[in-house]
C-alpha atoms as a PDB file:
ATOM      1  CA  MET A   1      80.561  10.409  17.591  1.00  0.00           C
ATOM      2  CA  ARG A   2      79.382  11.663  14.214  1.00  0.00           C
ATOM      3  CA  GLU A   3      76.486   9.102  14.274  1.00  0.00           C
ATOM      4  CA  GLU A   4      75.379  10.312  17.650  1.00  0.00           C
ATOM      5  CA  ARG A   5      75.259  13.889  16.345  1.00  0.00           C
ATOM      6  CA  VAL A   6      73.331  12.942  13.251  1.00  0.00           C
ATOM      7  CA  THR A   7      70.855  11.009  15.421  1.00  0.00           C
ATOM      8  CA  LEU A   8      70.540  13.946  17.884  1.00  0.00           C
ATOM      9  CA  ARG A   9      70.093  16.491  15.172  1.00  0.00           C
ATOM     10  CA  ALA A  10      67.326  14.322  13.535  1.00  0.00           C
ATOM     11  CA  LYS A  11      65.595  14.042  16.872  1.00  0.00           C
ATOM     12  CA  ILE A  12      65.537  17.817  17.362  1.00  0.00           C
ATOM     13  CA  ASP A  13      64.273  18.401  13.873  1.00  0.00           C
ATOM     14  CA  ALA A  14      61.559  15.662  14.281  1.00  0.00           C
ATOM     15  CA  SER A  15      60.107  17.131  17.485  1.00  0.00           C
ATOM     16  CA  LEU A  16      56.371  17.718  17.500  1.00  0.00           C
ATOM     17  CA  PHE A  17      57.153  20.976  19.290  1.00  0.00           C
ATOM     18  CA  TRP A  18      57.673  22.635  15.884  1.00  0.00           C
ATOM     19  CA  ASP A  19      54.027  21.897  14.999  1.00  0.00           C
ATOM     20  CA  VAL A  20      52.941  24.161  17.821  1.00  0.00           C
ATOM     21  CA  ASP A  21      51.668  27.542  16.484  1.00  0.00           C
ATOM     22  CA  ALA A  22      54.600  30.004  15.913  1.00  0.00           C
ATOM     23  CA  ALA A  23      52.756  32.760  17.714  1.00  0.00           C
ATOM     24  CA  THR A  24      52.344  30.553  20.817  1.00  0.00           C
ATOM     25  CA  ARG A  25      56.090  29.585  20.720  1.00  0.00           C
ATOM     26  CA  LYS A  26      57.044  33.383  20.176  1.00  0.00           C
ATOM     27  CA  ALA A  27      55.046  34.367  23.250  1.00  0.00           C
ATOM     28  CA  ILE A  28      57.078  31.976  25.248  1.00  0.00           C
ATOM     29  CA  PHE A  29      60.538  32.697  23.826  1.00  0.00           C
ATOM     30  CA  GLN A  30      60.432  36.498  23.262  1.00  0.00           C
ATOM     31  CA  PRO A  31      60.427  37.344  26.882  1.00  0.00           C
ATOM     32  CA  MET A  32      63.305  35.015  27.546  1.00  0.00           C
ATOM     33  CA  LEU A  33      65.320  36.548  24.715  1.00  0.00           C
ATOM     34  CA  ASP A  34      64.507  40.037  26.219  1.00  0.00           C
ATOM     35  CA  ARG A  35      65.637  38.896  29.652  1.00  0.00           C
ATOM     36  CA  LEU A  36      68.937  37.610  28.002  1.00  0.00           C
ATOM     37  CA  ASN A  37      69.459  40.992  26.359  1.00  0.00           C
ATOM     38  CA  GLY A  38      69.182  42.677  29.792  1.00  0.00           C
ATOM     39  CA  LYS A  39      65.593  43.920  29.696  1.00  0.00           C
ATOM     40  CA  GLU A  40      63.224  43.396  32.706  1.00  0.00           C
ATOM     41  CA  THR A  41      60.381  41.274  31.038  1.00  0.00           C
ATOM     42  CA  GLU A  42      57.791  39.161  32.724  1.00  0.00           C
ATOM     43  CA  LEU A  43      58.149  35.541  31.467  1.00  0.00           C
ATOM     44  CA  ILE A  44      55.225  33.600  30.084  1.00  0.00           C
ATOM     45  CA  LYS A  45      54.493  30.275  31.862  1.00  0.00           C
ATOM     46  CA  ALA A  46      54.233  27.680  29.281  1.00  0.00           C
ATOM     47  CA  ALA A  47      52.065  24.498  29.549  1.00  0.00           C
ATOM     48  CA  PRO A  48      54.034  21.841  31.492  1.00  0.00           C
ATOM     49  CA  ASP A  49      54.318  19.507  28.518  1.00  0.00           C
ATOM     50  CA  GLN A  50      55.607  22.316  26.321  1.00  0.00           C
ATOM     51  CA  GLU A  51      58.065  23.507  28.919  1.00  0.00           C
ATOM     52  CA  ASP A  52      59.444  20.073  29.387  1.00  0.00           C
ATOM     53  CA  THR A  53      59.839  19.653  25.611  1.00  0.00           C
ATOM     54  CA  TYR A  54      61.517  23.103  24.854  1.00  0.00           C
ATOM     55  CA  ARG A  55      63.827  22.578  27.822  1.00  0.00           C
ATOM     56  CA  PHE A  56      64.819  19.227  26.310  1.00  0.00           C
ATOM     57  CA  LEU A  57      65.348  20.766  22.886  1.00  0.00           C
ATOM     58  CA  TRP A  58      67.327  23.734  24.326  1.00  0.00           C
ATOM     59  CA  ALA A  59      69.735  21.253  26.229  1.00  0.00           C
ATOM     60  CA  ALA A  60      69.943  19.073  23.028  1.00  0.00           C
ATOM     61  CA  CYS A  61      71.005  22.022  20.973  1.00  0.00           C
ATOM     62  CA  MET A  62      73.661  22.967  23.472  1.00  0.00           C
ATOM     63  CA  GLU A  63      74.864  19.295  23.098  1.00  0.00           C
ATOM     64  CA  LEU A  64      74.799  19.379  19.408  1.00  0.00           C
ATOM     65  CA  PHE A  65      76.851  22.676  19.218  1.00  0.00           C
ATOM     66  CA  PRO A  66      79.292  22.285  22.233  1.00  0.00           C
ATOM     67  CA  ALA A  67      81.873  24.698  20.685  1.00  0.00           C
ATOM     68  CA  GLU A  68      79.314  27.632  20.546  1.00  0.00           C
ATOM     69  CA  ASP A  69      79.229  30.317  23.192  1.00  0.00           C
ATOM     70  CA  PRO A  70      76.242  29.325  25.428  1.00  0.00           C
ATOM     71  CA  THR A  71      74.814  32.854  25.570  1.00  0.00           C
ATOM     72  CA  VAL A  72      74.962  33.317  21.707  1.00  0.00           C
ATOM     73  CA  LEU A  73      73.501  29.840  21.168  1.00  0.00           C
ATOM     74  CA  SER A  74      70.731  30.606  23.765  1.00  0.00           C
ATOM     75  CA  LYS A  75      69.751  33.956  22.068  1.00  0.00           C
ATOM     76  CA  ALA A  76      69.749  32.109  18.735  1.00  0.00           C
ATOM     77  CA  PHE A  77      67.642  29.249  20.027  1.00  0.00           C
ATOM     78  CA  PHE A  78      65.074  31.694  21.598  1.00  0.00           C
ATOM     79  CA  GLN A  79      64.861  33.674  18.284  1.00  0.00           C
ATOM     80  CA  ALA A  80      64.701  30.573  16.084  1.00  0.00           C
ATOM     81  CA  ALA A  81      62.266  28.593  18.310  1.00  0.00           C
ATOM     82  CA  GLY A  82      59.935  31.574  18.349  1.00  0.00           C
ATOM     83  CA  SER A  83      59.851  32.153  14.549  1.00  0.00           C
ATOM     84  CA  TYR A  84      60.601  28.684  12.881  1.00  0.00           C
ATOM     85  CA  ARG A  85      57.844  27.180  10.715  1.00  0.00           C
ATOM     86  CA  ARG A  86      58.084  23.634   9.720  1.00  0.00           C
ATOM     87  CA  ASP A  87      57.711  23.293   5.835  1.00  0.00           C
ATOM     88  CA  PRO A  88      57.408  19.653   4.684  1.00  0.00           C
ATOM     89  CA  SER A  89      57.455  20.767   1.025  1.00  0.00           C
ATOM     90  CA  GLN A  90      61.098  21.748   1.394  1.00  0.00           C
ATOM     91  CA  GLU A  91      63.436  18.746   1.081  1.00  0.00           C
ATOM     92  CA  ASN A  92      66.084  20.113   3.378  1.00  0.00           C
ATOM     93  CA  ASP A  93      63.720  21.719   6.004  1.00  0.00           C
ATOM     94  CA  SER A  94      65.453  21.633   9.348  1.00  0.00           C
ATOM     95  CA  PHE A  95      65.146  23.480  12.703  1.00  0.00           C
ATOM     96  CA  CYS A  96      68.851  22.876  13.297  1.00  0.00           C
ATOM     97  CA  ALA A  97      69.793  24.437  10.051  1.00  0.00           C
ATOM     98  CA  TYR A  98      67.417  27.368  10.966  1.00  0.00           C
ATOM     99  CA  LEU A  99      69.214  27.672  14.275  1.00  0.00           C
ATOM    100  CA  GLN A 100      72.549  27.771  12.588  1.00  0.00           C
ATOM    101  CA  THR A 101      71.551  30.628  10.311  1.00  0.00           C
ATOM    102  CA  ALA A 102      70.245  32.584  13.367  1.00  0.00           C
ATOM    103  CA  MET A 103      73.545  32.003  15.157  1.00  0.00           C
ATOM    104  CA  ARG A 104      75.521  33.284  12.015  1.00  0.00           C
ATOM    105  CA  HIS A 105      73.269  36.398  11.900  1.00  0.00           C
ATOM    106  CA  LEU A 106      73.808  37.160  15.547  1.00  0.00           C
ATOM    107  CA  LYS A 107      77.544  36.873  15.172  1.00  0.00           C
ATOM    108  CA  ALA A 108      77.567  39.055  12.034  1.00  0.00           C
ATOM    109  CA  GLU A 109      75.563  41.805  13.862  1.00  0.00           C
ATOM    110  CA  GLU A 110      77.896  41.790  16.747  1.00  0.00           C
ATOM    111  CA  ALA A 111      80.789  42.097  14.406  1.00  0.00           C
ATOM    112  CA  ARG A 112      79.054  44.959  12.516  1.00  0.00           C
ATOM    113  CA  LYS A 113      78.337  46.794  15.709  1.00  0.00           C
ATOM    114  CA  GLU A 114      81.882  46.466  16.836  1.00  0.00           C
ATOM    115  CA  ALA A 115      83.276  47.600  13.447  1.00  0.00           C
ATOM    116  CA  GLN A 116      80.881  50.665  13.296  1.00  0.00           C
ATOM    117  CA  GLY A 117      81.650  51.447  16.819  1.00  0.00           C
ATOM    118  CA  LEU A 118      77.882  51.807  17.856  1.00  0.00           C
ATOM    119  CA  MET A 119      77.711  53.298  21.306  1.00  0.00           C
ATOM    120  CA  THR A 120      74.957  53.254  23.901  1.00  0.00           C
ATOM    121  CA  LEU A 121      74.673  56.717  25.438  1.00  0.00           C
ATOM    122  CA  SER A 122      72.730  57.962  28.487  1.00  0.00           C
ATOM    123  CA  LYS A 123      70.757  61.050  27.691  1.00  0.00           C
ATOM    124  CA  GLU A 124      72.910  63.019  30.055  1.00  0.00           C
ATOM    125  CA  THR A 125      76.026  61.980  28.175  1.00  0.00           C
ATOM    126  CA  ALA A 126      74.410  62.799  24.868  1.00  0.00           C
ATOM    127  CA  ARG A 127      73.581  66.292  26.242  1.00  0.00           C
ATOM    128  CA  LYS A 128      77.234  66.776  27.208  1.00  0.00           C
ATOM    129  CA  VAL A 129      78.395  65.596  23.881  1.00  0.00           C
ATOM    130  CA  ARG A 130      76.102  68.150  22.221  1.00  0.00           C
ATOM    131  CA  LYS A 131      77.522  70.794  24.415  1.00  0.00           C
ATOM    132  CA  ALA A 132      81.024  69.781  23.498  1.00  0.00           C
ATOM    133  CA  LEU A 133      80.139  70.019  19.735  1.00  0.00           C
ATOM    134  CA  ALA A 134      78.554  73.463  20.168  1.00  0.00           C
ATOM    135  CA  TYR A 135      81.746  74.646  21.912  1.00  0.00           C
ATOM    136  CA  MET A 136      83.891  73.073  19.166  1.00  0.00           C
ATOM    137  CA  GLU A 137      81.937  74.899  16.585  1.00  0.00           C
ATOM    138  CA  ASP A 138      82.246  78.314  18.341  1.00  0.00           C
ATOM    139  CA  MET A 139      85.984  77.829  18.651  1.00  0.00           C
ATOM    140  CA  GLY A 140      86.456  76.470  15.053  1.00  0.00           C
ATOM    141  CA  TYR A 141      87.765  73.055  16.193  1.00  0.00           C
ATOM    142  CA  THR A 142      87.177  69.948  14.138  1.00  0.00           C
ATOM    143  CA  SER A 143      86.679  66.437  15.524  1.00  0.00           C
ATOM    144  CA  GLY A 144      90.235  65.507  14.044  1.00  0.00           C
ATOM    145  CA  MET A 145      91.829  68.487  15.695  1.00  0.00           C
ATOM    146  CA  VAL A 146      90.436  67.568  19.169  1.00  0.00           C
ATOM    147  CA  THR A 147      91.021  63.789  19.061  1.00  0.00           C
ATOM    148  CA  GLY A 148      94.512  64.383  17.860  1.00  0.00           C
ATOM    149  CA  ASN A 149      95.516  66.737  20.657  1.00  0.00           C
ATOM    150  CA  PRO A 150      95.079  65.362  24.238  1.00  0.00           C
ATOM    151  CA  GLU A 151      95.445  68.741  25.801  1.00  0.00           C
ATOM    152  CA  LEU A 152      92.852  70.403  23.451  1.00  0.00           C
ATOM    153  CA  GLU A 153      90.499  67.454  24.091  1.00  0.00           C
ATOM    154  CA  LYS A 154      90.930  67.810  27.844  1.00  0.00           C
ATOM    155  CA  THR A 155      89.939  71.531  27.404  1.00  0.00           C
ATOM    156  CA  VAL A 156      86.820  70.668  25.421  1.00  0.00           C
ATOM    157  CA  ALA A 157      85.911  67.894  27.831  1.00  0.00           C
ATOM    158  CA  LYS A 158      86.143  70.372  30.688  1.00  0.00           C
ATOM    159  CA  ALA A 159      84.088  73.021  28.949  1.00  0.00           C
ATOM    160  CA  ALA A 160      81.345  70.454  28.353  1.00  0.00           C
ATOM    161  CA  GLY A 161      81.576  68.703  31.779  1.00  0.00           C
ATOM    162  CA  ILE A 162      82.187  65.380  30.241  1.00  0.00           C
ATOM    163  CA  GLY A 163      84.762  62.862  30.817  1.00  0.00           C
ATOM    164  CA  GLN A 164      87.772  62.946  28.373  1.00  0.00           C
ATOM    165  CA  ARG A 165      87.395  59.298  27.501  1.00  0.00           C
ATOM    166  CA  SER A 166      83.636  59.593  26.743  1.00  0.00           C
ATOM    167  CA  LEU A 167      84.194  62.596  24.628  1.00  0.00           C
ATOM    168  CA  HIS A 168      87.053  60.869  22.745  1.00  0.00           C
ATOM    169  CA  GLU A 169      85.038  57.844  21.898  1.00  0.00           C
ATOM    170  CA  ALA A 170      81.923  59.947  20.894  1.00  0.00           C
ATOM    171  CA  LEU A 171      84.016  62.225  18.480  1.00  0.00           C
ATOM    172  CA  LEU A 172      85.530  58.985  16.881  1.00  0.00           C
ATOM    173  CA  ASN A 173      81.965  57.474  16.334  1.00  0.00           C
ATOM    174  CA  LYS A 174      80.469  58.685  13.153  1.00  0.00           C
ATOM    175  CA  ASP A 175      76.984  57.512  14.143  1.00  0.00           C
ATOM    176  CA  VAL A 176      76.968  59.551  17.210  1.00  0.00           C
ATOM    177  CA  LEU A 177      78.125  62.610  15.343  1.00  0.00           C
ATOM    178  CA  VAL A 178      75.439  62.122  12.529  1.00  0.00           C
ATOM    179  CA  SER A 179      72.778  62.423  15.184  1.00  0.00           C
ATOM    180  CA  ILE A 180      72.355  61.939  18.971  1.00  0.00           C
ATOM    181  CA  ASN A 181      69.038  60.658  20.327  1.00  0.00           C
ATOM    182  CA  THR A 182      67.624  60.945  16.933  1.00  0.00           C
ATOM    183  CA  GLU A 183      67.523  58.992  13.646  1.00  0.00           C
ATOM    184  CA  ARG A 184      70.878  58.091  11.966  1.00  0.00           C
ATOM    185  CA  ASP A 185      71.199  58.625   8.275  1.00  0.00           C
ATOM    186  CA  ASP A 186      70.442  54.893   7.721  1.00  0.00           C
ATOM    187  CA  GLY A 187      67.189  55.237   9.484  1.00  0.00           C
ATOM    188  CA  ALA A 188      68.079  53.274  12.629  1.00  0.00           C
ATOM    189  CA  GLU A 189      68.004  54.776  16.085  1.00  0.00           C
ATOM    190  CA  ILE A 190      71.076  55.311  18.125  1.00  0.00           C
ATOM    191  CA  GLN A 191      70.676  53.190  21.333  1.00  0.00           C
ATOM    192  CA  THR A 192      69.981  55.393  24.366  1.00  0.00           C
ATOM    193  CA  ALA A 193      69.141  54.658  27.888  1.00  0.00           C
ATOM    194  CA  ASP A 194      68.246  57.148  30.650  1.00  0.00           C
ATOM    195  CA  ASN A 195      70.322  55.430  33.305  1.00  0.00           C
ATOM    196  CA  GLY A 196      72.532  58.309  34.436  1.00  0.00           C
ATOM    197  CA  PRO A 197      76.366  58.115  34.355  1.00  0.00           C
ATOM    198  CA  THR A 198      78.372  54.974  33.733  1.00  0.00           C
ATOM    199  CA  LEU A 199      80.458  53.296  36.277  1.00  0.00           C
ATOM    200  CA  GLU A 200      83.536  54.554  34.509  1.00  0.00           C
ATOM    201  CA  GLU A 201      82.233  58.155  34.731  1.00  0.00           C
ATOM    202  CA  GLU A 202      81.558  57.558  38.383  1.00  0.00           C
ATOM    203  CA  MET A 203      85.158  56.325  38.935  1.00  0.00           C
ATOM    204  CA  GLU A 204      86.468  59.368  37.101  1.00  0.00           C
ATOM    205  CA  ALA A 205      84.414  61.936  39.098  1.00  0.00           C
ATOM    206  CA  HIS A 206      83.991  60.187  42.449  1.00  0.00           C
ATOM    207  CA  SER A 207      86.973  57.713  42.947  1.00  0.00           C
ATOM    208  CA  ASP A 208      87.034  58.971  46.563  1.00  0.00           C
ATOM    209  CA  ALA A 209      83.621  57.323  47.019  1.00  0.00           C
ATOM    210  CA  VAL A 210      83.636  54.428  44.610  1.00  0.00           C
ATOM    211  CA  PHE A 211      86.894  52.614  45.835  1.00  0.00           C
ATOM    212  CA  PRO A 212      86.013  52.941  49.627  1.00  0.00           C
ATOM    213  CA  LEU A 213      82.568  51.551  48.851  1.00  0.00           C
ATOM    214  CA  LEU A 214      84.141  48.709  46.949  1.00  0.00           C
ATOM    215  CA  ARG A 215      86.631  48.087  49.757  1.00  0.00           C
ATOM    216  CA  LYS A 216      83.867  47.939  52.288  1.00  0.00           C
ATOM    217  CA  ALA A 217      81.728  45.513  50.120  1.00  0.00           C
ATOM    218  CA  VAL A 218      84.645  43.116  49.812  1.00  0.00           C
ATOM    219  CA  LEU A 219      85.753  43.351  53.488  1.00  0.00           C
ATOM    220  CA  LEU A 220      82.205  42.619  54.605  1.00  0.00           C
ATOM    221  CA  MET A 221      82.209  39.178  52.660  1.00  0.00           C
ATOM    222  CA  ASN A 222      83.096  36.018  54.511  1.00  0.00           C
ATOM    223  CA  LEU A 223      85.583  33.722  52.881  1.00  0.00           C
ATOM    224  CA  GLU A 224      82.962  31.542  51.311  1.00  0.00           C
ATOM    225  CA  GLU A 225      81.275  34.621  49.695  1.00  0.00           C
ATOM    226  CA  LYS A 226      84.743  35.951  48.559  1.00  0.00           C
ATOM    227  CA  GLN A 227      85.516  32.570  46.847  1.00  0.00           C
ATOM    228  CA  LYS A 228      82.114  32.514  45.322  1.00  0.00           C
ATOM    229  CA  ALA A 229      82.155  36.084  44.076  1.00  0.00           C
ATOM    230  CA  ARG A 230      85.943  36.097  43.001  1.00  0.00           C
ATOM    231  CA  GLN A 231      85.636  34.906  39.403  1.00  0.00           C
ATOM    232  CA  ASN A 232      82.829  37.327  38.595  1.00  0.00           C
ATOM    233  CA  MET A 233      84.427  40.228  40.452  1.00  0.00           C
ATOM    234  CA  VAL A 234      87.987  39.857  39.151  1.00  0.00           C
ATOM    235  CA  LEU A 235      86.806  39.777  35.426  1.00  0.00           C
ATOM    236  CA  PHE A 236      84.507  42.740  35.865  1.00  0.00           C
ATOM    237  CA  TRP A 237      86.852  44.926  38.003  1.00  0.00           C
ATOM    238  CA  SER A 238      90.149  44.002  36.346  1.00  0.00           C
ATOM    239  CA  PRO A 239      89.399  45.977  33.081  1.00  0.00           C
ATOM    240  CA  ARG A 240      87.818  48.870  35.001  1.00  0.00           C
ATOM    241  CA  ILE A 241      90.570  49.274  37.585  1.00  0.00           C
ATOM    242  CA  LEU A 242      93.398  48.842  35.052  1.00  0.00           C
ATOM    243  CA  GLY A 243      91.578  51.342  32.720  1.00  0.00           C
ATOM    244  CA  TYR A 244      91.212  53.772  35.379  1.00  0.00           C
ATOM    245  CA  LEU A 245      94.777  53.348  36.626  1.00  0.00           C
ATOM    246  CA  ARG A 246      96.115  53.974  33.148  1.00  0.00           C
ATOM    247  CA  ARG A 247      93.824  56.996  32.623  1.00  0.00           C
ATOM    248  CA  TYR A 248      92.283  54.976  29.639  1.00  0.00           C
ATOM    249  CA  GLU A 249      95.625  55.308  27.794  1.00  0.00           C
ATOM    250  CA  GLU A 250      95.848  59.158  28.074  1.00  0.00           C
ATOM    251  CA  PRO A 251      99.530  60.050  28.157  1.00  0.00           C
ATOM    252  CA  ASP A 252      99.606  61.744  31.615  1.00  0.00           C
ATOM    253  CA  MET A 253     102.182  59.634  33.476  1.00  0.00           C
ATOM    254  CA  PRO A 254     102.255  61.760  36.621  1.00  0.00           C
ATOM    255  CA  GLU A 255      98.571  61.438  36.993  1.00  0.00           C
ATOM    256  CA  ARG A 256      98.585  57.717  36.336  1.00  0.00           C
ATOM    257  CA  LEU A 257     101.150  57.329  39.143  1.00  0.00           C
ATOM    258  CA  GLY A 258      98.946  59.544  41.307  1.00  0.00           C
ATOM    259  CA  ARG A 259      95.952  57.282  40.759  1.00  0.00           C
ATOM    260  CA  CYS A 260      97.907  54.392  42.279  1.00  0.00           C
ATOM    261  CA  ASP A 261      97.415  56.051  45.537  1.00  0.00           C
ATOM    262  CA  ASP A 262      93.592  55.537  45.113  1.00  0.00           C
ATOM    263  CA  LEU A 263      94.071  51.794  45.140  1.00  0.00           C
ATOM    264  CA  ARG A 264      96.634  51.543  48.001  1.00  0.00           C
ATOM    265  CA  PRO A 265      93.970  50.950  50.673  1.00  0.00           C
ATOM    266  CA  LEU A 266      92.664  47.953  48.694  1.00  0.00           C
ATOM    267  CA  GLU A 267      96.077  46.699  48.223  1.00  0.00           C
ATOM    268  CA  LYS A 268      97.074  47.234  51.869  1.00  0.00           C
ATOM    269  CA  ASP A 269      94.015  45.190  52.952  1.00  0.00           C
ATOM    270  CA  GLY A 270      95.058  42.344  50.578  1.00  0.00           C
ATOM    271  CA  ILE A 271      91.823  42.515  48.483  1.00  0.00           C
ATOM    272  CA  LEU A 272      93.326  44.245  45.418  1.00  0.00           C
ATOM    273  CA  TRP A 273      95.590  41.681  43.648  1.00  0.00           C
ATOM    274  CA  ASP A 274      93.864  38.600  42.214  1.00  0.00           C
ATOM    275  CA  GLN A 275      90.605  39.464  44.140  1.00  0.00           C
ATOM    276  CA  LEU A 276      89.705  42.570  42.119  1.00  0.00           C
ATOM    277  CA  LEU A 277      92.775  43.049  39.764  1.00  0.00           C
ATOM    278  CA  LEU A 278      93.981  39.837  38.062  1.00  0.00           C
ATOM    279  CA  ARG A 279      97.794  39.659  37.794  1.00  0.00           C
ATOM    280  CA  ASN A 280      97.393  37.403  34.772  1.00  0.00           C
ATOM    281  CA  TYR A 281      95.067  39.957  33.040  1.00  0.00           C
ATOM    282  CA  VAL A 282      97.682  42.771  33.613  1.00  0.00           C
ATOM    283  CA  SER A 283     100.290  40.519  32.117  1.00  0.00           C
ATOM    284  CA  PHE A 284      98.079  39.920  29.227  1.00  0.00           C
ATOM    285  CA  CYS A 285      97.746  43.679  28.522  1.00  0.00           C
ATOM    286  CA  VAL A 286     100.910  45.310  29.787  1.00  0.00           C
ATOM    287  CA  ARG A 287     104.588  44.881  28.990  1.00  0.00           C
ATOM    288  CA  GLU A 288     107.036  43.584  31.576  1.00  0.00           C
ATOM    289  CA  PRO A 289     108.762  44.208  33.944  1.00  0.00           C
ATOM    290  CA  LEU A 290     105.570  44.123  36.169  1.00  0.00           C
ATOM    291  CA  TYR A 291     107.403  43.278  39.544  1.00  0.00           C
ATOM    292  CA  SER A 292     104.399  41.017  40.357  1.00  0.00           C
ATOM    293  CA  GLY A 293     103.925  39.359  43.711  1.00  0.00           C
ATOM    294  CA  GLU A 294     105.951  41.820  45.709  1.00  0.00           C
ATOM    295  CA  GLY A 295     102.871  43.364  47.436  1.00  0.00           C
ATOM    296  CA  PRO A 296     102.248  46.747  49.047  1.00  0.00           C
ATOM    297  CA  GLN A 297     105.702  47.015  50.367  1.00  0.00           C
ATOM    298  CA  ASN A 298     106.956  47.404  46.737  1.00  0.00           C
ATOM    299  CA  PRO A 299     104.894  50.234  45.039  1.00  0.00           C
ATOM    300  CA  LYS A 300     106.391  49.214  41.657  1.00  0.00           C
ATOM    301  CA  GLU A 301     103.755  46.564  41.084  1.00  0.00           C
ATOM    302  CA  LEU A 302     100.875  49.068  40.723  1.00  0.00           C
ATOM    303  CA  GLU A 303     103.166  51.577  39.181  1.00  0.00           C
ATOM    304  CA  SER A 304     104.424  49.336  36.475  1.00  0.00           C
ATOM    305  CA  ALA A 305     100.835  48.310  35.666  1.00  0.00           C
ATOM    306  CA  ALA A 306      99.881  52.041  35.337  1.00  0.00           C
ATOM    307  CA  VAL A 307     102.809  53.210  33.160  1.00  0.00           C
ATOM    308  CA  ASN A 308     104.212  50.317  31.177  1.00  0.00           C
ATOM    309  CA  ALA A 309     103.466  50.208  27.514  1.00  0.00           C
ATOM    310  CA  LEU A 310     100.681  47.872  26.310  1.00  0.00           C
ATOM    311  CA  LEU A 311     101.672  44.681  24.729  1.00  0.00           C
ATOM    312  CA  LEU A 312      99.506  45.456  21.755  1.00  0.00           C
ATOM    313  CA  GLU A 313      98.249  48.962  20.970  1.00  0.00           C
ATOM    314  CA  ALA A 314      94.838  47.719  20.128  1.00  0.00           C
ATOM    315  CA  ARG A 315      94.547  45.573  23.230  1.00  0.00           C
ATOM    316  CA  ARG A 316      93.035  48.176  25.471  1.00  0.00           C
ATOM    317  CA  PRO A 317      92.503  46.752  28.985  1.00  0.00           C
ATOM    318  CA  GLU A 318      89.208  48.369  29.743  1.00  0.00           C
ATOM    319  CA  GLN A 319      87.485  47.105  26.630  1.00  0.00           C
ATOM    320  CA  ASP A 320      85.096  44.154  26.646  1.00  0.00           C
ATOM    321  CA  LYS A 321      86.622  42.683  23.559  1.00  0.00           C
ATOM    322  CA  THR A 322      89.896  42.454  25.365  1.00  0.00           C
ATOM    323  CA  VAL A 323      88.412  40.594  28.287  1.00  0.00           C
ATOM    324  CA  ALA A 324      86.662  38.205  25.659  1.00  0.00           C
ATOM    325  CA  GLU A 325      89.965  37.756  23.932  1.00  0.00           C
ATOM    326  CA  TYR A 326      91.592  36.863  27.372  1.00  0.00           C
ATOM    327  CA  LEU A 327      88.969  34.383  28.196  1.00  0.00           C
ATOM    328  CA  GLY A 328      88.395  33.070  24.690  1.00  0.00           C
ATOM    329  CA  LYS A 329      84.790  33.929  24.776  1.00  0.00           C
ATOM    330  CA  ASP A 330      82.279  35.876  22.767  1.00  0.00           C
ATOM    331  CA  LYS A 331      82.198  39.771  23.404  1.00  0.00           C
ATOM    332  CA  GLY A 332      78.382  39.621  23.697  1.00  0.00           C
ATOM    333  CA  THR A 333      78.749  37.234  26.585  1.00  0.00           C
ATOM    334  CA  ILE A 334      81.227  39.524  28.415  1.00  0.00           C
ATOM    335  CA  SER A 335      79.043  42.575  27.844  1.00  0.00           C
ATOM    336  CA  TYR A 336      75.871  40.939  29.135  1.00  0.00           C
ATOM    337  CA  HIS A 337      77.748  39.559  32.237  1.00  0.00           C
ATOM    338  CA  ASN A 338      79.186  43.006  32.956  1.00  0.00           C
ATOM    339  CA  ARG A 339      75.836  44.867  32.640  1.00  0.00           C
ATOM    340  CA  LYS A 340      74.396  42.788  35.410  1.00  0.00           C
ATOM    341  CA  ILE A 341      77.245  43.322  37.722  1.00  0.00           C
ATOM    342  CA  GLU A 342      77.462  47.104  36.966  1.00  0.00           C
ATOM    343  CA  ASN A 343      73.809  47.533  37.537  1.00  0.00           C
ATOM    344  CA  ALA A 344      74.197  45.867  40.985  1.00  0.00           C
ATOM    345  CA  PHE A 345      77.152  48.059  41.910  1.00  0.00           C
ATOM    346  CA  MET A 346      75.590  51.281  40.675  1.00  0.00           C
ATOM    347  CA  GLU A 347      72.588  50.446  42.927  1.00  0.00           C
ATOM    348  CA  MET A 348      74.997  50.219  45.800  1.00  0.00           C
ATOM    349  CA  ILE A 349      76.378  53.593  44.952  1.00  0.00           C
ATOM    350  CA  ARG A 350      72.925  55.194  44.854  1.00  0.00           C
ATOM    351  CA  LYS A 351      71.976  53.602  48.092  1.00  0.00           C
ATOM    352  CA  GLY A 352      75.217  54.856  49.674  1.00  0.00           C
ATOM    353  CA  GLU A 353      74.331  58.486  48.553  1.00  0.00           C
ATOM    354  CA  GLU A 354      70.932  58.384  50.046  1.00  0.00           C
END
């Protein structure tokens, strides 16, 4: 096995594709990288011989590094293949080594962003955060006072017209508080996108519209479509439904129980459990007893998912990193996967409002 890997690595490194001008390669791979990062970019058509070669090299790198997350590896490959320059004067010159460095940098950047808690804010959310900060200044409230007092936080959120969860995360994020939609103190820009409210904000504000639309979408699927969509849907909706059900860990138990009623129609139609809300994911996040498998005749199944304590305080069910931990995958892969599904569902919501 080791000899096969050495041979494969040598074949990748020796490819004549790396003699192609770096600018030409970058023109091919940069749009592919943009697409993988969720940007709508027109792809450049490579010459047939070049396309055959890079597809072979891409597949060979996947084979060479089978333990790596495919999305992370693909991003690193597109970056490396677009910028690598062969240097015969260097004794250990190697595209594969260059690719491994790119992968390490990608993983380090993802870890840095998670550690710093960088947020992507819509312009509307940023405006509401500004309004909340202005209100807090007028009232003499500090961020610590607000985030440490759920009732006070609710009051500020209501005054600013922002979801309490969104406000809480913004107030805990030093980069957002340094500057919103402008430059941070390290010179980098806070990521913003004028894409309106998030799906979580829609669920908070319009659950009476979101859940019936979701119910209708699933009921209209035939059996084959349900089976095909199930894996994507359950891993996208499980964290969102469980997060909504638990009020994103806000300690308002009566309201959590009340939110169970929003999901009863889905449960009654047999399309909630293990079609949208995965029981195993609930068990991964929430302490027993869960009364699982007893169906709509026993309301305790939803209620226990709503109010039982978390297994681990840091294992918040609505977060991508929890889904990544559950699946044993990279958080970046989960985030990319979820952005595509959320965009499609938000488009459904917009069409439903027209």
